[in-house]
């Protein structure tokens, strides 16, 4: 099971933020309590099988969008959709 489905309690996210100082600092800047609650709710919805609605065929921008993510220092994208 992936972490996005496993951590369905705000205390789970608090533990993650405590183990990683950079994530904890970012969570504090964003509002840690609300962030933990939001991530837990999001994980619960994903675990229950919720997916975002498919874009309509008439949405010409949504069908032409291309995203890529690079690992720091890597010459090529790790993931492209």
PDB file of N, CA and C in Angstrom:
ATOM      1  N   UNK A   1       0.847  -1.174   0.000  1.00  0.00           N
ATOM      2  CA  UNK A   1       0.000   0.000   0.000  1.00  0.00           C
ATOM      3  C   UNK A   1       0.895   1.240   0.000  1.00  0.00           C
ATOM      4  N   UNK A   2       0.539   2.195  -0.818  1.00  0.00           N
ATOM      5  CA  UNK A   2       1.347   3.409  -0.907  1.00  0.00           C
ATOM      6  C   UNK A   2       1.068   4.337   0.268  1.00  0.00           C
ATOM      7  N   UNK A   3       2.026   5.195   0.610  1.00  0.00           N
ATOM      8  CA  UNK A   3       1.830   6.113   1.738  1.00  0.00           C
ATOM      9  C   UNK A   3       0.596   7.001   1.609  1.00  0.00           C
ATOM     10  N   UNK A   4       0.202   7.338   0.388  1.00  0.00           N
ATOM     11  CA  UNK A   4      -0.970   8.197   0.248  1.00  0.00           C
ATOM     12  C   UNK A   4      -2.240   7.516   0.723  1.00  0.00           C
ATOM     13  N   UNK A   5      -2.227   6.194   0.819  1.00  0.00           N
ATOM     14  CA  UNK A   5      -3.397   5.481   1.321  1.00  0.00           C
ATOM     15  C   UNK A   5      -3.216   5.013   2.754  1.00  0.00           C
ATOM     16  N   UNK A   6      -1.987   4.941   3.209  1.00  0.00           N
ATOM     17  CA  UNK A   6      -1.697   4.385   4.521  1.00  0.00           C
ATOM     18  C   UNK A   6      -1.923   5.384   5.648  1.00  0.00           C
ATOM     19  N   UNK A   7      -1.557   6.635   5.454  1.00  0.00           N
ATOM     20  CA  UNK A   7      -1.581   7.620   6.531  1.00  0.00           C
ATOM     21  C   UNK A   7      -2.907   8.374   6.549  1.00  0.00           C
ATOM     22  N   UNK A   8      -3.905   7.771   7.198  1.00  0.00           N
ATOM     23  CA  UNK A   8      -5.254   8.332   7.199  1.00  0.00           C
ATOM     24  C   UNK A   8      -5.614   8.995   8.520  1.00  0.00           C
ATOM     25  N   UNK A   9      -4.631   9.224   9.366  1.00  0.00           N
ATOM     26  CA  UNK A   9      -4.862   9.884  10.644  1.00  0.00           C
ATOM     27  C   UNK A   9      -3.897  11.065  10.752  1.00  0.00           C
ATOM     28  N   UNK A  10      -4.358  12.221  11.234  1.00  0.00           N
ATOM     29  CA  UNK A  10      -3.454  13.373  11.362  1.00  0.00           C
ATOM     30  C   UNK A  10      -2.209  13.070  12.194  1.00  0.00           C
ATOM     31  N   UNK A  11      -2.314  12.182  13.181  1.00  0.00           N
ATOM     32  CA  UNK A  11      -1.135  11.822  13.979  1.00  0.00           C
ATOM     33  C   UNK A  11      -0.077  11.105  13.144  1.00  0.00           C
ATOM     34  N   UNK A  12      -0.521  10.363  12.117  1.00  0.00           N
ATOM     35  CA  UNK A  12       0.432   9.718  11.210  1.00  0.00           C
ATOM     36  C   UNK A  12       1.277  10.774  10.506  1.00  0.00           C
ATOM     37  N   UNK A  13       0.618  11.805  10.020  1.00  0.00           N
ATOM     38  CA  UNK A  13       1.331  12.879   9.317  1.00  0.00           C
ATOM     39  C   UNK A  13       2.217  13.658  10.282  1.00  0.00           C
ATOM     40  N   UNK A  14       1.782  13.831  11.511  1.00  0.00           N
ATOM     41  CA  UNK A  14       2.618  14.501  12.505  1.00  0.00           C
ATOM     42  C   UNK A  14       3.918  13.727  12.704  1.00  0.00           C
ATOM     43  N   UNK A  15       3.828  12.419  12.761  1.00  0.00           N
ATOM     44  CA  UNK A  15       5.025  11.592  12.904  1.00  0.00           C
ATOM     45  C   UNK A  15       5.969  11.743  11.718  1.00  0.00           C
ATOM     46  N   UNK A  16       5.410  11.816  10.524  1.00  0.00           N
ATOM     47  CA  UNK A  16       6.236  12.019   9.329  1.00  0.00           C
ATOM     48  C   UNK A  16       6.960  13.352   9.416  1.00  0.00           C
ATOM     49  N   UNK A  17       6.246  14.385   9.805  1.00  0.00           N
ATOM     50  CA  UNK A  17       6.841  15.723   9.889  1.00  0.00           C
ATOM     51  C   UNK A  17       7.899  15.788  10.987  1.00  0.00           C
ATOM     52  N   UNK A  18       7.715  15.020  12.056  1.00  0.00           N
ATOM     53  CA  UNK A  18       8.706  15.011  13.133  1.00  0.00           C
ATOM     54  C   UNK A  18       9.986  14.295  12.711  1.00  0.00           C
ATOM     55  N   UNK A  19       9.866  13.274  11.859  1.00  0.00           N
ATOM     56  CA  UNK A  19      11.038  12.531  11.404  1.00  0.00           C
ATOM     57  C   UNK A  19      11.832  13.285  10.340  1.00  0.00           C
ATOM     58  N   UNK A  20      11.209  14.211   9.652  1.00  0.00           N
ATOM     59  CA  UNK A  20      11.879  14.956   8.594  1.00  0.00           C
ATOM     60  C   UNK A  20      11.800  16.435   8.936  1.00  0.00           C
ATOM     61  N   UNK A  21      12.914  17.012   9.352  1.00  0.00           N
ATOM     62  CA  UNK A  21      12.917  18.396   9.813  1.00  0.00           C
ATOM     63  C   UNK A  21      12.486  19.382   8.734  1.00  0.00           C
ATOM     64  N   UNK A  22      12.904  19.167   7.501  1.00  0.00           N
ATOM     65  CA  UNK A  22      12.532  20.088   6.430  1.00  0.00           C
ATOM     66  C   UNK A  22      11.027  20.055   6.184  1.00  0.00           C
ATOM     67  N   UNK A  23      10.458  18.854   6.167  1.00  0.00           N
ATOM     68  CA  UNK A  23       9.010  18.750   5.984  1.00  0.00           C
ATOM     69  C   UNK A  23       8.275  19.361   7.165  1.00  0.00           C
ATOM     70  N   UNK A  24       8.809  19.161   8.366  1.00  0.00           N
ATOM     71  CA  UNK A  24       8.195  19.731   9.561  1.00  0.00           C
ATOM     72  C   UNK A  24       8.215  21.246   9.532  1.00  0.00           C
ATOM     73  N   UNK A  25       9.334  21.820   9.074  1.00  0.00           N
ATOM     74  CA  UNK A  25       9.428  23.278   8.978  1.00  0.00           C
ATOM     75  C   UNK A  25       8.445  23.818   7.943  1.00  0.00           C
ATOM     76  N   UNK A  26       8.339  23.124   6.815  1.00  0.00           N
ATOM     77  CA  UNK A  26       7.381  23.548   5.791  1.00  0.00           C
ATOM     78  C   UNK A  26       5.948  23.418   6.309  1.00  0.00           C
ATOM     79  N   UNK A  27       5.662  22.341   7.025  1.00  0.00           N
ATOM     80  CA  UNK A  27       4.320  22.145   7.587  1.00  0.00           C
ATOM     81  C   UNK A  27       3.990  23.250   8.579  1.00  0.00           C
ATOM     82  N   UNK A  28       4.966  23.647   9.372  1.00  0.00           N
ATOM     83  CA  UNK A  28       4.740  24.734  10.324  1.00  0.00           C
ATOM     84  C   UNK A  28       4.423  26.039   9.610  1.00  0.00           C
ATOM     85  N   UNK A  29       5.127  26.313   8.530  1.00  0.00           N
ATOM     86  CA  UNK A  29       4.871  27.542   7.767  1.00  0.00           C
ATOM     87  C   UNK A  29       3.490  27.521   7.122  1.00  0.00           C
ATOM     88  N   UNK A  30       3.045  26.352   6.704  1.00  0.00           N
ATOM     89  CA  UNK A  30       1.756  26.240   6.022  1.00  0.00           C
ATOM     90  C   UNK A  30       0.576  26.155   6.987  1.00  0.00           C
ATOM     91  N   UNK A  31       0.841  25.892   8.242  1.00  0.00           N
ATOM     92  CA  UNK A  31      -0.223  25.666   9.225  1.00  0.00           C
ATOM     93  C   UNK A  31      -0.338  24.175   9.479  1.00  0.00           C
ATOM     94  N   UNK A  32       0.498  23.687  10.345  1.00  0.00           N
ATOM     95  CA  UNK A  32       0.677  22.247  10.546  1.00  0.00           C
ATOM     96  C   UNK A  32      -0.610  21.503  10.861  1.00  0.00           C
ATOM     97  N   UNK A  33      -1.397  21.999  11.773  1.00  0.00           N
ATOM     98  CA  UNK A  33      -2.602  21.276  12.192  1.00  0.00           C
ATOM     99  C   UNK A  33      -3.581  21.109  11.024  1.00  0.00           C
ATOM    100  N   UNK A  34      -3.825  22.194  10.296  1.00  0.00           N
ATOM    101  CA  UNK A  34      -4.739  22.120   9.153  1.00  0.00           C
ATOM    102  C   UNK A  34      -4.161  21.231   8.052  1.00  0.00           C
ATOM    103  N   UNK A  35      -2.857  21.330   7.822  1.00  0.00           N
ATOM    104  CA  UNK A  35      -2.213  20.504   6.802  1.00  0.00           C
ATOM    105  C   UNK A  35      -2.337  19.020   7.144  1.00  0.00           C
ATOM    106  N   UNK A  36      -2.059  18.659   8.390  1.00  0.00           N
ATOM    107  CA  UNK A  36      -2.176  17.255   8.804  1.00  0.00           C
ATOM    108  C   UNK A  36      -3.604  16.746   8.624  1.00  0.00           C
ATOM    109  N   UNK A  37      -4.573  17.553   9.005  1.00  0.00           N
ATOM    110  CA  UNK A  37      -5.979  17.158   8.870  1.00  0.00           C
ATOM    111  C   UNK A  37      -6.350  16.994   7.395  1.00  0.00           C
ATOM    112  N   UNK A  38      -5.909  17.929   6.564  1.00  0.00           N
ATOM    113  CA  UNK A  38      -6.228  17.883   5.139  1.00  0.00           C
ATOM    114  C   UNK A  38      -5.599  16.672   4.462  1.00  0.00           C
ATOM    115  N   UNK A  39      -4.329  16.393   4.769  1.00  0.00           N
ATOM    116  CA  UNK A  39      -3.660  15.235   4.173  1.00  0.00           C
ATOM    117  C   UNK A  39      -4.305  13.929   4.619  1.00  0.00           C
ATOM    118  N   UNK A  40      -4.729  13.852   5.875  1.00  0.00           N
ATOM    119  CA  UNK A  40      -5.396  12.645   6.373  1.00  0.00           C
ATOM    120  C   UNK A  40      -6.739  12.439   5.670  1.00  0.00           C
ATOM    121  N   UNK A  41      -7.488  13.512   5.479  1.00  0.00           N
ATOM    122  CA  UNK A  41      -8.769  13.399   4.773  1.00  0.00           C
ATOM    123  C   UNK A  41      -8.552  12.989   3.320  1.00  0.00           C
ATOM    124  N   UNK A  42      -7.530  13.568   2.699  1.00  0.00           N
ATOM    125  CA  UNK A  42      -7.203  13.241   1.306  1.00  0.00           C
ATOM    126  C   UNK A  42      -6.831  11.759   1.194  1.00  0.00           C
ATOM    127  N   UNK A  43      -5.996  11.265   2.113  1.00  0.00           N
ATOM    128  CA  UNK A  43      -5.594   9.860   2.091  1.00  0.00           C
ATOM    129  C   UNK A  43      -6.787   8.933   2.301  1.00  0.00           C
ATOM    130  N   UNK A  44      -7.701   9.335   3.160  1.00  0.00           N
ATOM    131  CA  UNK A  44      -8.900   8.530   3.408  1.00  0.00           C
ATOM    132  C   UNK A  44      -9.751   8.429   2.149  1.00  0.00           C
ATOM    133  N   UNK A  45      -9.898   9.547   1.443  1.00  0.00           N
ATOM    134  CA  UNK A  45     -10.693   9.528   0.198  1.00  0.00           C
ATOM    135  C   UNK A  45     -10.022   8.657  -0.869  1.00  0.00           C
ATOM    136  N   UNK A  46      -8.697   8.735  -0.978  1.00  0.00           N
ATOM    137  CA  UNK A  46      -7.988   7.913  -1.955  1.00  0.00           C
ATOM    138  C   UNK A  46      -8.130   6.436  -1.590  1.00  0.00           C
ATOM    139  N   UNK A  47      -7.972   6.117  -0.314  1.00  0.00           N
ATOM    140  CA  UNK A  47      -8.094   4.731   0.146  1.00  0.00           C
ATOM    141  C   UNK A  47      -9.477   4.172  -0.160  1.00  0.00           C
ATOM    142  N   UNK A  48     -10.503   5.034  -0.095  1.00  0.00           N
ATOM    143  CA  UNK A  48     -11.879   4.604  -0.383  1.00  0.00           C
ATOM    144  C   UNK A  48     -12.139   4.470  -1.882  1.00  0.00           C
ATOM    145  N   UNK A  49     -11.155   4.854  -2.714  1.00  0.00           N
ATOM    146  CA  UNK A  49     -11.308   4.686  -4.155  1.00  0.00           C
ATOM    147  C   UNK A  49     -11.691   5.941  -4.904  1.00  0.00           C
ATOM    148  N   UNK A  50     -11.718   7.069  -4.231  1.00  0.00           N
ATOM    149  CA  UNK A  50     -12.100   8.311  -4.910  1.00  0.00           C
ATOM    150  C   UNK A  50     -11.040   8.714  -5.928  1.00  0.00           C
ATOM    151  N   UNK A  51     -11.495   9.127  -7.081  1.00  0.00           N
ATOM    152  CA  UNK A  51     -10.615   9.659  -8.126  1.00  0.00           C
ATOM    153  C   UNK A  51     -11.226  10.954  -8.639  1.00  0.00           C
ATOM    154  N   UNK A  52     -10.403  11.857  -9.161  1.00  0.00           N
ATOM    155  CA  UNK A  52     -10.968  13.091  -9.693  1.00  0.00           C
ATOM    156  C   UNK A  52     -11.795  12.808 -10.942  1.00  0.00           C
ATOM    157  N   UNK A  53     -12.760  13.670 -11.239  1.00  0.00           N
ATOM    158  CA  UNK A  53     -13.569  13.450 -12.446  1.00  0.00           C
ATOM    159  C   UNK A  53     -12.716  13.582 -13.698  1.00  0.00           C
ATOM    160  N   UNK A  54     -13.040  12.805 -14.695  1.00  0.00           N
ATOM    161  CA  UNK A  54     -12.321  12.880 -15.972  1.00  0.00           C
ATOM    162  C   UNK A  54     -12.666  14.194 -16.656  1.00  0.00           C
ATOM    163  N   UNK A  55     -11.690  14.827 -17.311  1.00  0.00           N
ATOM    164  CA  UNK A  55     -11.987  16.075 -18.020  1.00  0.00           C
ATOM    165  C   UNK A  55     -12.893  15.811 -19.213  1.00  0.00           C
ATOM    166  N   UNK A  56     -13.697  16.789 -19.548  1.00  0.00           N
ATOM    167  CA  UNK A  56     -14.589  16.628 -20.700  1.00  0.00           C
ATOM    168  C   UNK A  56     -13.769  16.698 -21.985  1.00  0.00           C
ATOM    169  N   UNK A  57     -14.284  16.069 -23.015  1.00  0.00           N
ATOM    170  CA  UNK A  57     -13.593  16.069 -24.303  1.00  0.00           C
ATOM    171  C   UNK A  57     -13.512  17.472 -24.887  1.00  0.00           C
ATOM    172  N   UNK A  58     -14.417  18.353 -24.484  1.00  0.00           N
ATOM    173  CA  UNK A  58     -14.418  19.704 -25.035  1.00  0.00           C
ATOM    174  C   UNK A  58     -13.370  20.598 -24.369  1.00  0.00           C
ATOM    175  N   UNK A  59     -12.711  20.101 -23.341  1.00  0.00           N
ATOM    176  CA  UNK A  59     -11.692  20.882 -22.655  1.00  0.00           C
ATOM    177  C   UNK A  59     -10.376  20.757 -23.408  1.00  0.00           C
ATOM    178  N   UNK A  60     -10.176  21.604 -24.402  1.00  0.00           N
ATOM    179  CA  UNK A  60      -9.004  21.470 -25.264  1.00  0.00           C
ATOM    180  C   UNK A  60      -7.697  21.714 -24.525  1.00  0.00           C
ATOM    181  N   UNK A  61      -7.725  22.523 -23.463  1.00  0.00           N
ATOM    182  CA  UNK A  61      -6.497  22.777 -22.723  1.00  0.00           C
ATOM    183  C   UNK A  61      -6.114  21.586 -21.859  1.00  0.00           C
ATOM    184  N   UNK A  62      -7.092  20.949 -21.238  1.00  0.00           N
ATOM    185  CA  UNK A  62      -6.813  19.807 -20.379  1.00  0.00           C
ATOM    186  C   UNK A  62      -6.256  18.621 -21.132  1.00  0.00           C
ATOM    187  N   UNK A  63      -6.648  18.452 -22.392  1.00  0.00           N
ATOM    188  CA  UNK A  63      -6.167  17.319 -23.163  1.00  0.00           C
ATOM    189  C   UNK A  63      -4.805  17.590 -23.785  1.00  0.00           C
ATOM    190  N   UNK A  64      -4.336  18.820 -23.772  1.00  0.00           N
ATOM    191  CA  UNK A  64      -3.052  19.148 -24.375  1.00  0.00           C
ATOM    192  C   UNK A  64      -1.981  19.470 -23.342  1.00  0.00           C
ATOM    193  N   UNK A  65      -2.280  19.316 -22.085  1.00  0.00           N
ATOM    194  CA  UNK A  65      -1.334  19.625 -21.025  1.00  0.00           C
ATOM    195  C   UNK A  65      -0.346  18.481 -20.860  1.00  0.00           C
ATOM    196  N   UNK A  66       0.923  18.818 -20.759  1.00  0.00           N
ATOM    197  CA  UNK A  66       1.950  17.808 -20.538  1.00  0.00           C
ATOM    198  C   UNK A  66       2.777  18.221 -19.334  1.00  0.00           C
ATOM    199  N   UNK A  67       2.940  17.298 -18.397  1.00  0.00           N
ATOM    200  CA  UNK A  67       3.693  17.573 -17.174  1.00  0.00           C
ATOM    201  C   UNK A  67       4.870  16.617 -17.090  1.00  0.00           C
ATOM    202  N   UNK A  68       5.967  17.105 -16.548  1.00  0.00           N
ATOM    203  CA  UNK A  68       7.136  16.259 -16.328  1.00  0.00           C
ATOM    204  C   UNK A  68       7.734  16.596 -14.975  1.00  0.00           C
ATOM    205  N   UNK A  69       8.341  15.608 -14.353  1.00  0.00           N
ATOM    206  CA  UNK A  69       9.000  15.823 -13.073  1.00  0.00           C
ATOM    207  C   UNK A  69      10.420  15.284 -13.177  1.00  0.00           C
ATOM    208  N   UNK A  70      11.367  16.101 -12.745  1.00  0.00           N
ATOM    209  CA  UNK A  70      12.768  15.699 -12.765  1.00  0.00           C
ATOM    210  C   UNK A  70      13.257  15.471 -11.349  1.00  0.00           C
ATOM    211  N   UNK A  71      14.128  14.474 -11.214  1.00  0.00           N
ATOM    212  CA  UNK A  71      14.852  14.304  -9.969  1.00  0.00           C
ATOM    213  C   UNK A  71      15.977  15.337  -9.968  1.00  0.00           C
ATOM    214  N   UNK A  72      16.315  15.873  -8.825  1.00  0.00           N
ATOM    215  CA  UNK A  72      17.368  16.882  -8.750  1.00  0.00           C
ATOM    216  C   UNK A  72      18.661  16.312  -9.306  1.00  0.00           C
ATOM    217  N   UNK A  73      19.220  16.987 -10.262  1.00  0.00           N
ATOM    218  CA  UNK A  73      20.502  16.576 -10.827  1.00  0.00           C
ATOM    219  C   UNK A  73      20.407  15.522 -11.912  1.00  0.00           C
ATOM    220  N   UNK A  74      19.227  15.001 -12.169  1.00  0.00           N
ATOM    221  CA  UNK A  74      19.075  13.987 -13.217  1.00  0.00           C
ATOM    222  C   UNK A  74      18.891  14.665 -14.568  1.00  0.00           C
ATOM    223  N   UNK A  75      19.494  14.123 -15.625  1.00  0.00           N
ATOM    224  CA  UNK A  75      19.385  14.757 -16.945  1.00  0.00           C
ATOM    225  C   UNK A  75      18.036  14.537 -17.640  1.00  0.00           C
ATOM    226  N   UNK A  76      17.275  13.537 -17.212  1.00  0.00           N
ATOM    227  CA  UNK A  76      16.025  13.195 -17.894  1.00  0.00           C
ATOM    228  C   UNK A  76      14.852  13.159 -16.926  1.00  0.00           C
ATOM    229  N   UNK A  77      13.634  13.379 -17.437  1.00  0.00           N
ATOM    230  CA  UNK A  77      12.456  13.295 -16.568  1.00  0.00           C
ATOM    231  C   UNK A  77      12.261  11.888 -16.041  1.00  0.00           C
ATOM    232  N   UNK A  78      11.805  11.788 -14.800  1.00  0.00           N
ATOM    233  CA  UNK A  78      11.467  10.497 -14.210  1.00  0.00           C
ATOM    234  C   UNK A  78      10.063  10.059 -14.598  1.00  0.00           C
ATOM    235  N   UNK A  79       9.187  11.042 -14.795  1.00  0.00           N
ATOM    236  CA  UNK A  79       7.779  10.738 -15.010  1.00  0.00           C
ATOM    237  C   UNK A  79       7.209  11.768 -15.957  1.00  0.00           C
ATOM    238  N   UNK A  80       6.554  11.328 -16.977  1.00  0.00           N
ATOM    239  CA  UNK A  80       5.895  12.239 -17.914  1.00  0.00           C
ATOM    240  C   UNK A  80       4.508  11.706 -18.193  1.00  0.00           C
ATOM    241  N   UNK A  81       3.548  12.623 -18.199  1.00  0.00           N
ATOM    242  CA  UNK A  81       2.193  12.200 -18.547  1.00  0.00           C
ATOM    243  C   UNK A  81       1.620  13.106 -19.587  1.00  0.00           C
TER     244      UNK A  81
END
